Amino acid sequence: MAWLRGIAVVVGLVAIWQAVVSITGVPEFMLPPPLDVARALVGDAALLAGHAGVTLAEILLGLLCGTALGVATALAMAAWRPARDWILPVIVASQAIPVFALAPILVLWLGFDLGPKIAMATLIIYFPVASAFFDGLRRTDPGHLDLARTMGAARGTVLRRIRLPAALPSLASGLRVGVAVAPIGAVVGEWVGATAGLGHLMLHAKARVETPRMFAALIVLAVIGVVLYLAADRLLRRAVPWHAESNPAQD
């Protein structure tokens, strides 16, 4: 029944959108009617698909890099105390710098290809993955750790056999957040400087006052984000079946 609820939400939002346009009489260049946007989605399908493919590649590569870096950082901090003392303050302090402000610098360093967009997505994904996974690693049940020490288990064995499985639900939560925010990094990078991608297409449509095309690109981006989140959520539920939140809610 989840897909029926999704359809109902979409229909409701479109109805509200149309009502706002009809009641307020807002100019079409500011808020086009849903029908005009639908025509743009159909008429520009090939164009939108090409740019969406570029943005999707940036998001997926950013997810891969951000997840790998975040997991490696969390494991290093959990396994080696000096690494925690040095790295954790840097991670926390780095969040005081808006990632969006780094986009022009990354474009300057990495050019206008995929590099800066992947780097932006990586930076945005990195923190929730690293912080959530590290939090899970250090919140392992003390009783399990005491039992392992009593039995003479080595630190590496404790990490692999006890702390890592116990922290996987936290990692799953961090990955869900990362998947949800990953499109932000890719699109911001495209806004600053790009030759392709949905963000690049939106900027060109805005400059030409092609508002329906701009909204169509925004809808495609939203669909990509929702599909990626649902796919990641399903995979994580299967990967961590012992966690209570991993079991689908019963209707």
Foldseek 3Di string as FASTA:
>chain_A
DVVVVVVVVVVVVLVVLQVCCVPVVPDCLVRNRPVLLVCLCVVCVVQLVVQAVQLLVLLVLLLVLLLVLLVVLLVCVLLDVVSVVPVVVVLVVVVVDPLLVCLLVQCVVPNAHSRSLSVQLSNLLNNLLNVQLNVQLVPFDVVVVVVCVVVPHDPVCCVVPGSNLSSLVSNLVSSLVSLLCSSVSNLSNVCNHYDGHLNVQLVVCSVVSVRSNNVNSVVSSVVSSVVSSVVSLLVSLVVNVVDPVSDDDDD
